[in-house]
Amino acid sequence: MSKIKKSRRKKPNFLRLNLNVKRLDISKWRKPKGMSGRPKKSLSHKKGKSPKIGYGLKSEFKNKHMSGMEIVEISNIKELENLDKDKQMAKILNVGKRKKIEIVEKAILKGIKISNLREPKKYIEKTKKK
């Protein structure tokens, strides 16, 4: 198992305050505010762990994929040309469908992996059918 995967496994799931309210999404963490709120009282350890500095990733693992490749955010084709396919991986952000298809096609030709698409060829086929 890679070192990156081991370091991410140690981090607990932080639960939101007021878990009994159904309309709140408990998977999203929100910092409890207020002087006398429930998490700050003596029984706060029963509500679950809260985020602290020690839970963060080490700087050598930040912006890296589980495979050890560095993740680079891309928003146009020019940024794709500067990538090294052996050490870097693309993550396509802030782009519409038409431009995304162009970027994915170019990445397949160059042999660059895309982190936020599992199967890029199938994605192109599905979007072109529509």
N, C-alpha and C. Protein backbone atom coordinates (compact mmCIF):
# COMPACT_ATOMS: atom_id res chain seq x y z
N MET A 1 0.84 -1.19 0.00
CA MET A 1 0.00 0.00 0.00
C MET A 1 0.88 1.25 0.00
N SER A 2 0.49 2.22 -0.77
CA SER A 2 1.31 3.42 -0.89
C SER A 2 1.26 4.26 0.39
N LYS A 3 2.27 5.09 0.58
CA LYS A 3 2.34 5.96 1.75
C LYS A 3 1.20 6.98 1.76
N ILE A 4 0.80 7.42 0.58
CA ILE A 4 -0.27 8.40 0.48
C ILE A 4 -1.58 7.80 1.00
N LYS A 5 -1.85 6.56 0.61
CA LYS A 5 -3.08 5.91 1.02
C LYS A 5 -3.11 5.68 2.53
N LYS A 6 -1.97 5.30 3.11
CA LYS A 6 -1.89 5.09 4.55
C LYS A 6 -2.15 6.38 5.31
N SER A 7 -1.59 7.48 4.83
CA SER A 7 -1.75 8.76 5.53
C SER A 7 -3.19 9.25 5.46
N ARG A 8 -3.91 8.96 4.38
CA ARG A 8 -5.30 9.39 4.26
C ARG A 8 -6.23 8.52 5.09
N ARG A 9 -5.82 7.28 5.35
CA ARG A 9 -6.66 6.35 6.09
C ARG A 9 -6.78 6.76 7.56
N LYS A 10 -5.80 7.44 8.10
CA LYS A 10 -5.79 7.82 9.51
C LYS A 10 -6.80 8.93 9.82
N LYS A 11 -7.25 9.67 8.83
CA LYS A 11 -8.13 10.81 9.04
C LYS A 11 -9.57 10.33 9.27
N PRO A 12 -10.20 10.69 10.41
CA PRO A 12 -11.58 10.26 10.67
C PRO A 12 -12.60 11.10 9.89
N ASN A 13 -13.81 10.58 9.82
CA ASN A 13 -14.90 11.37 9.23
C ASN A 13 -15.42 12.32 10.29
N PHE A 14 -15.38 13.60 10.01
CA PHE A 14 -15.82 14.60 10.97
C PHE A 14 -17.32 14.81 10.80
N LEU A 15 -18.05 14.67 11.89
CA LEU A 15 -19.50 14.77 11.84
C LEU A 15 -19.96 16.18 12.17
N ARG A 16 -21.05 16.56 11.58
CA ARG A 16 -21.62 17.89 11.80
C ARG A 16 -22.41 17.93 13.10
N LEU A 17 -22.51 19.10 13.69
CA LEU A 17 -23.32 19.30 14.88
C LEU A 17 -24.79 19.12 14.53
N ASN A 18 -25.62 18.73 15.50
CA ASN A 18 -27.06 18.49 15.32
C ASN A 18 -27.32 17.38 14.32
N LEU A 19 -26.81 16.21 14.62
CA LEU A 19 -26.97 15.07 13.72
C LEU A 19 -28.41 14.59 13.64
N ASN A 20 -29.22 14.90 14.65
CA ASN A 20 -30.59 14.40 14.67
C ASN A 20 -31.53 15.17 13.74
N VAL A 21 -31.13 16.31 13.22
CA VAL A 21 -31.97 17.09 12.31
C VAL A 21 -31.83 16.51 10.91
N LYS A 22 -32.95 16.09 10.31
CA LYS A 22 -32.90 15.34 9.04
C LYS A 22 -32.52 16.21 7.85
N ARG A 23 -32.88 17.48 7.87
CA ARG A 23 -32.64 18.31 6.68
C ARG A 23 -31.17 18.69 6.51
N LEU A 24 -30.34 18.51 7.55
CA LEU A 24 -28.92 18.84 7.46
C LEU A 24 -28.13 17.69 6.88
N ASP A 25 -27.18 18.00 6.05
CA ASP A 25 -26.29 16.98 5.50
C ASP A 25 -25.16 16.77 6.51
N ILE A 26 -25.15 15.61 7.17
CA ILE A 26 -24.18 15.39 8.25
C ILE A 26 -22.79 15.09 7.73
N SER A 27 -22.67 14.77 6.44
CA SER A 27 -21.35 14.45 5.91
C SER A 27 -20.50 15.70 5.70
N LYS A 28 -21.13 16.88 5.60
CA LYS A 28 -20.38 18.11 5.39
C LYS A 28 -20.06 18.75 6.74
N TRP A 29 -18.80 19.02 6.98
CA TRP A 29 -18.37 19.59 8.24
C TRP A 29 -18.62 21.09 8.25
N ARG A 30 -19.19 21.57 9.35
CA ARG A 30 -19.33 23.00 9.60
C ARG A 30 -18.77 23.28 10.99
N LYS A 31 -17.98 24.32 11.11
CA LYS A 31 -17.37 24.64 12.39
C LYS A 31 -18.43 25.14 13.36
N PRO A 32 -18.51 24.55 14.57
CA PRO A 32 -19.48 25.03 15.55
C PRO A 32 -19.06 26.39 16.09
N LYS A 33 -19.98 27.32 16.11
CA LYS A 33 -19.68 28.67 16.58
C LYS A 33 -20.53 28.98 17.81
N GLY A 34 -20.07 29.86 18.62
CA GLY A 34 -20.81 30.24 19.81
C GLY A 34 -20.05 29.87 21.07
N MET A 35 -20.25 30.62 22.11
CA MET A 35 -19.50 30.43 23.36
C MET A 35 -19.96 29.20 24.12
N SER A 36 -21.26 28.94 24.14
CA SER A 36 -21.76 27.85 24.96
C SER A 36 -22.42 26.77 24.12
N GLY A 37 -21.92 26.55 22.93
CA GLY A 37 -22.49 25.52 22.07
C GLY A 37 -22.18 24.12 22.59
N ARG A 38 -22.94 23.13 22.11
CA ARG A 38 -22.78 21.76 22.59
C ARG A 38 -21.37 21.18 22.45
N PRO A 39 -20.68 21.40 21.33
CA PRO A 39 -19.34 20.80 21.21
C PRO A 39 -18.34 21.37 22.19
N LYS A 40 -18.59 22.58 22.70
CA LYS A 40 -17.63 23.20 23.62
C LYS A 40 -17.89 22.80 25.06
N LYS A 41 -19.01 22.14 25.32
CA LYS A 41 -19.31 21.71 26.68
C LYS A 41 -18.56 20.43 27.01
N SER A 42 -18.74 19.95 28.22
CA SER A 42 -17.94 18.81 28.71
C SER A 42 -18.25 17.51 27.98
N LEU A 43 -19.42 17.34 27.36
CA LEU A 43 -19.77 16.09 26.71
C LEU A 43 -19.43 16.09 25.22
N SER A 44 -18.59 17.00 24.78
CA SER A 44 -18.30 17.12 23.35
C SER A 44 -17.56 15.91 22.79
N HIS A 45 -16.85 15.15 23.63
CA HIS A 45 -16.11 14.00 23.13
C HIS A 45 -17.05 12.90 22.63
N LYS A 46 -18.31 12.92 23.05
CA LYS A 46 -19.26 11.92 22.59
C LYS A 46 -19.81 12.25 21.20
N LYS A 47 -19.69 13.48 20.78
CA LYS A 47 -20.21 13.89 19.48
C LYS A 47 -19.30 13.52 18.32
N GLY A 48 -18.09 13.10 18.60
CA GLY A 48 -17.14 12.76 17.55
C GLY A 48 -15.98 13.72 17.52
N LYS A 49 -14.98 13.39 16.75
CA LYS A 49 -13.78 14.21 16.70
C LYS A 49 -14.00 15.44 15.82
N SER A 50 -13.29 16.50 16.16
CA SER A 50 -13.35 17.71 15.35
C SER A 50 -12.01 17.93 14.67
N PRO A 51 -11.97 18.62 13.52
CA PRO A 51 -10.74 18.80 12.78
C PRO A 51 -9.70 19.60 13.55
N LYS A 52 -8.45 19.19 13.43
CA LYS A 52 -7.32 19.88 14.04
C LYS A 52 -6.16 19.87 13.06
N ILE A 53 -5.13 20.61 13.38
CA ILE A 53 -3.98 20.75 12.49
C ILE A 53 -3.32 19.40 12.20
N GLY A 54 -3.27 18.53 13.16
CA GLY A 54 -2.57 17.26 13.00
C GLY A 54 -3.16 16.31 11.99
N TYR A 55 -4.43 16.52 11.58
CA TYR A 55 -5.08 15.61 10.64
C TYR A 55 -4.74 15.91 9.18
N GLY A 56 -4.08 17.01 8.90
CA GLY A 56 -3.78 17.37 7.53
C GLY A 56 -2.73 16.46 6.90
N LEU A 57 -2.69 16.44 5.57
CA LEU A 57 -1.69 15.65 4.86
C LEU A 57 -0.32 16.31 4.96
N LYS A 58 0.70 15.49 4.86
CA LYS A 58 2.06 16.03 4.83
C LYS A 58 2.25 16.77 3.51
N SER A 59 3.14 17.74 3.51
CA SER A 59 3.33 18.57 2.32
C SER A 59 3.84 17.77 1.12
N GLU A 60 4.52 16.67 1.36
CA GLU A 60 5.02 15.86 0.24
C GLU A 60 3.89 15.10 -0.46
N PHE A 61 2.74 14.92 0.21
CA PHE A 61 1.62 14.19 -0.37
C PHE A 61 0.53 15.09 -0.93
N LYS A 62 0.58 16.39 -0.66
CA LYS A 62 -0.47 17.29 -1.13
C LYS A 62 -0.42 17.43 -2.65
N ASN A 63 -1.59 17.57 -3.25
CA ASN A 63 -1.76 17.67 -4.71
C ASN A 63 -1.19 16.47 -5.44
N LYS A 64 -1.26 15.29 -4.81
CA LYS A 64 -0.79 14.07 -5.47
C LYS A 64 -1.90 13.04 -5.48
N HIS A 65 -1.91 12.25 -6.54
CA HIS A 65 -2.86 11.15 -6.69
C HIS A 65 -2.37 9.96 -5.89
N MET A 66 -3.22 8.97 -5.67
CA MET A 66 -2.83 7.77 -4.93
C MET A 66 -1.66 7.04 -5.61
N SER A 67 -1.57 7.18 -6.92
CA SER A 67 -0.49 6.52 -7.65
C SER A 67 0.85 7.23 -7.47
N GLY A 68 0.84 8.43 -6.88
CA GLY A 68 2.07 9.19 -6.67
C GLY A 68 2.30 10.28 -7.69
N MET A 69 1.42 10.37 -8.70
CA MET A 69 1.55 11.39 -9.73
C MET A 69 0.99 12.72 -9.23
N GLU A 70 1.59 13.80 -9.69
CA GLU A 70 1.15 15.14 -9.30
C GLU A 70 -0.09 15.52 -10.11
N ILE A 71 -1.09 16.10 -9.45
CA ILE A 71 -2.32 16.52 -10.12
C ILE A 71 -2.22 17.99 -10.49
N VAL A 72 -2.45 18.29 -11.78
CA VAL A 72 -2.38 19.66 -12.29
C VAL A 72 -3.75 20.05 -12.83
N GLU A 73 -4.28 21.19 -12.37
CA GLU A 73 -5.58 21.66 -12.83
C GLU A 73 -5.45 22.31 -14.20
N ILE A 74 -6.37 21.95 -15.09
CA ILE A 74 -6.30 22.42 -16.48
C ILE A 74 -7.64 23.02 -16.88
N SER A 75 -7.58 24.16 -17.56
CA SER A 75 -8.81 24.80 -18.03
C SER A 75 -8.78 25.11 -19.53
N ASN A 76 -7.65 24.81 -20.21
CA ASN A 76 -7.61 24.96 -21.66
C ASN A 76 -6.53 24.04 -22.26
N ILE A 77 -6.50 23.97 -23.59
CA ILE A 77 -5.60 23.04 -24.28
C ILE A 77 -4.13 23.45 -24.14
N LYS A 78 -3.85 24.74 -24.06
CA LYS A 78 -2.46 25.20 -23.95
C LYS A 78 -1.79 24.69 -22.68
N GLU A 79 -2.55 24.62 -21.59
CA GLU A 79 -2.00 24.12 -20.33
C GLU A 79 -1.69 22.63 -20.40
N LEU A 80 -2.41 21.92 -21.26
CA LEU A 80 -2.20 20.48 -21.43
C LEU A 80 -0.86 20.17 -22.09
N GLU A 81 -0.38 21.10 -22.93
CA GLU A 81 0.87 20.88 -23.66
C GLU A 81 2.09 20.88 -22.75
N ASN A 82 2.02 21.54 -21.60
CA ASN A 82 3.17 21.65 -20.70
C ASN A 82 3.33 20.48 -19.74
N LEU A 83 2.41 19.51 -19.78
CA LEU A 83 2.45 18.40 -18.82
C LEU A 83 3.46 17.33 -19.21
N ASP A 84 4.05 16.72 -18.18
CA ASP A 84 4.92 15.57 -18.36
C ASP A 84 4.10 14.32 -18.05
N LYS A 85 3.86 13.46 -19.04
CA LYS A 85 2.92 12.34 -18.86
C LYS A 85 3.40 11.29 -17.87
N ASP A 86 4.69 11.25 -17.56
CA ASP A 86 5.21 10.26 -16.62
C ASP A 86 5.04 10.71 -15.16
N LYS A 87 5.05 12.02 -14.91
CA LYS A 87 5.02 12.52 -13.53
C LYS A 87 3.75 13.27 -13.17
N GLN A 88 2.98 13.74 -14.18
CA GLN A 88 1.83 14.59 -13.89
C GLN A 88 0.54 14.02 -14.47
N MET A 89 -0.56 14.40 -13.84
CA MET A 89 -1.89 13.96 -14.22
C MET A 89 -2.78 15.19 -14.38
N ALA A 90 -3.69 15.18 -15.32
CA ALA A 90 -4.56 16.33 -15.57
C ALA A 90 -5.86 16.22 -14.79
N LYS A 91 -6.35 17.37 -14.33
CA LYS A 91 -7.67 17.47 -13.72
C LYS A 91 -8.39 18.62 -14.40
N ILE A 92 -9.43 18.31 -15.16
CA ILE A 92 -10.11 19.31 -15.98
C ILE A 92 -11.15 20.04 -15.14
N LEU A 93 -11.01 21.38 -15.05
CA LEU A 93 -11.90 22.20 -14.24
C LEU A 93 -12.34 23.45 -14.98
N ASN A 94 -13.50 23.97 -14.61
CA ASN A 94 -14.04 25.24 -15.11
C ASN A 94 -14.12 25.30 -16.64
N VAL A 95 -14.63 24.23 -17.24
CA VAL A 95 -14.71 24.15 -18.69
C VAL A 95 -16.09 23.62 -19.07
N GLY A 96 -16.63 24.11 -20.19
CA GLY A 96 -17.89 23.59 -20.70
C GLY A 96 -17.69 22.25 -21.39
N LYS A 97 -18.82 21.64 -21.84
CA LYS A 97 -18.75 20.31 -22.44
C LYS A 97 -17.93 20.27 -23.72
N ARG A 98 -18.15 21.26 -24.58
CA ARG A 98 -17.48 21.25 -25.88
C ARG A 98 -15.96 21.33 -25.73
N LYS A 99 -15.48 22.24 -24.86
CA LYS A 99 -14.05 22.38 -24.65
C LYS A 99 -13.49 21.17 -23.90
N LYS A 100 -14.29 20.60 -23.01
CA LYS A 100 -13.84 19.43 -22.26
C LYS A 100 -13.59 18.25 -23.19
N ILE A 101 -14.45 18.07 -24.18
CA ILE A 101 -14.27 16.99 -25.15
C ILE A 101 -12.96 17.19 -25.92
N GLU A 102 -12.69 18.43 -26.33
CA GLU A 102 -11.44 18.72 -27.06
C GLU A 102 -10.21 18.40 -26.20
N ILE A 103 -10.27 18.80 -24.93
CA ILE A 103 -9.13 18.56 -24.04
C ILE A 103 -8.92 17.07 -23.81
N VAL A 104 -10.02 16.33 -23.64
CA VAL A 104 -9.92 14.88 -23.40
C VAL A 104 -9.35 14.17 -24.62
N GLU A 105 -9.79 14.56 -25.82
CA GLU A 105 -9.26 13.95 -27.05
C GLU A 105 -7.76 14.18 -27.18
N LYS A 106 -7.33 15.41 -26.89
CA LYS A 106 -5.91 15.73 -26.99
C LYS A 106 -5.10 14.96 -25.93
N ALA A 107 -5.68 14.80 -24.73
CA ALA A 107 -4.99 14.06 -23.67
C ALA A 107 -4.83 12.59 -24.04
N ILE A 108 -5.83 12.01 -24.69
CA ILE A 108 -5.74 10.61 -25.11
C ILE A 108 -4.64 10.44 -26.15
N LEU A 109 -4.56 11.39 -27.10
CA LEU A 109 -3.50 11.32 -28.12
C LEU A 109 -2.11 11.40 -27.52
N LYS A 110 -1.95 12.27 -26.50
CA LYS A 110 -0.64 12.44 -25.88
C LYS A 110 -0.33 11.37 -24.84
N GLY A 111 -1.35 10.61 -24.41
CA GLY A 111 -1.16 9.58 -23.40
C GLY A 111 -1.15 10.11 -21.98
N ILE A 112 -1.81 11.23 -21.75
CA ILE A 112 -1.88 11.83 -20.42
C ILE A 112 -3.12 11.32 -19.70
N LYS A 113 -2.96 10.95 -18.44
CA LYS A 113 -4.08 10.46 -17.64
C LYS A 113 -4.89 11.63 -17.10
N ILE A 114 -6.21 11.41 -16.94
CA ILE A 114 -7.10 12.42 -16.41
C ILE A 114 -7.67 11.90 -15.09
N SER A 115 -7.51 12.66 -14.03
CA SER A 115 -7.88 12.18 -12.71
C SER A 115 -9.39 12.20 -12.45
N ASN A 116 -10.12 13.14 -13.03
CA ASN A 116 -11.55 13.22 -12.74
C ASN A 116 -12.42 12.59 -13.82
N LEU A 117 -11.86 11.72 -14.66
CA LEU A 117 -12.62 10.89 -15.60
C LEU A 117 -12.08 9.47 -15.52
N ARG A 118 -12.96 8.51 -15.25
CA ARG A 118 -12.49 7.12 -15.15
C ARG A 118 -12.16 6.55 -16.52
N GLU A 119 -13.11 6.70 -17.45
CA GLU A 119 -12.91 6.16 -18.79
C GLU A 119 -13.15 7.27 -19.80
N PRO A 120 -12.09 7.95 -20.23
CA PRO A 120 -12.26 9.11 -21.13
C PRO A 120 -12.85 8.76 -22.49
N LYS A 121 -12.52 7.59 -23.02
CA LYS A 121 -13.04 7.21 -24.34
C LYS A 121 -14.56 7.04 -24.30
N LYS A 122 -15.05 6.42 -23.24
CA LYS A 122 -16.50 6.24 -23.10
C LYS A 122 -17.20 7.58 -22.91
N TYR A 123 -16.55 8.50 -22.19
CA TYR A 123 -17.12 9.83 -21.98
C TYR A 123 -17.29 10.55 -23.32
N ILE A 124 -16.31 10.46 -24.19
CA ILE A 124 -16.39 11.12 -25.50
C ILE A 124 -17.51 10.50 -26.33
N GLU A 125 -17.62 9.17 -26.31
CA GLU A 125 -18.68 8.50 -27.08
C GLU A 125 -20.07 8.91 -26.60
N LYS A 126 -20.28 8.96 -25.28
CA LYS A 126 -21.58 9.32 -24.72
C LYS A 126 -21.97 10.75 -25.09
N THR A 127 -21.03 11.68 -24.96
CA THR A 127 -21.35 13.08 -25.21
C THR A 127 -21.55 13.36 -26.70
N LYS A 128 -20.85 12.65 -27.56
CA LYS A 128 -21.02 12.87 -28.99
C LYS A 128 -22.34 12.30 -29.49
N LYS A 129 -22.85 11.25 -28.85
CA LYS A 129 -24.15 10.70 -29.23
C LYS A 129 -25.26 11.70 -28.97
N LYS A 130 -25.15 12.44 -27.85
CA LYS A 130 -26.17 13.42 -27.51
C LYS A 130 -26.06 14.62 -28.41
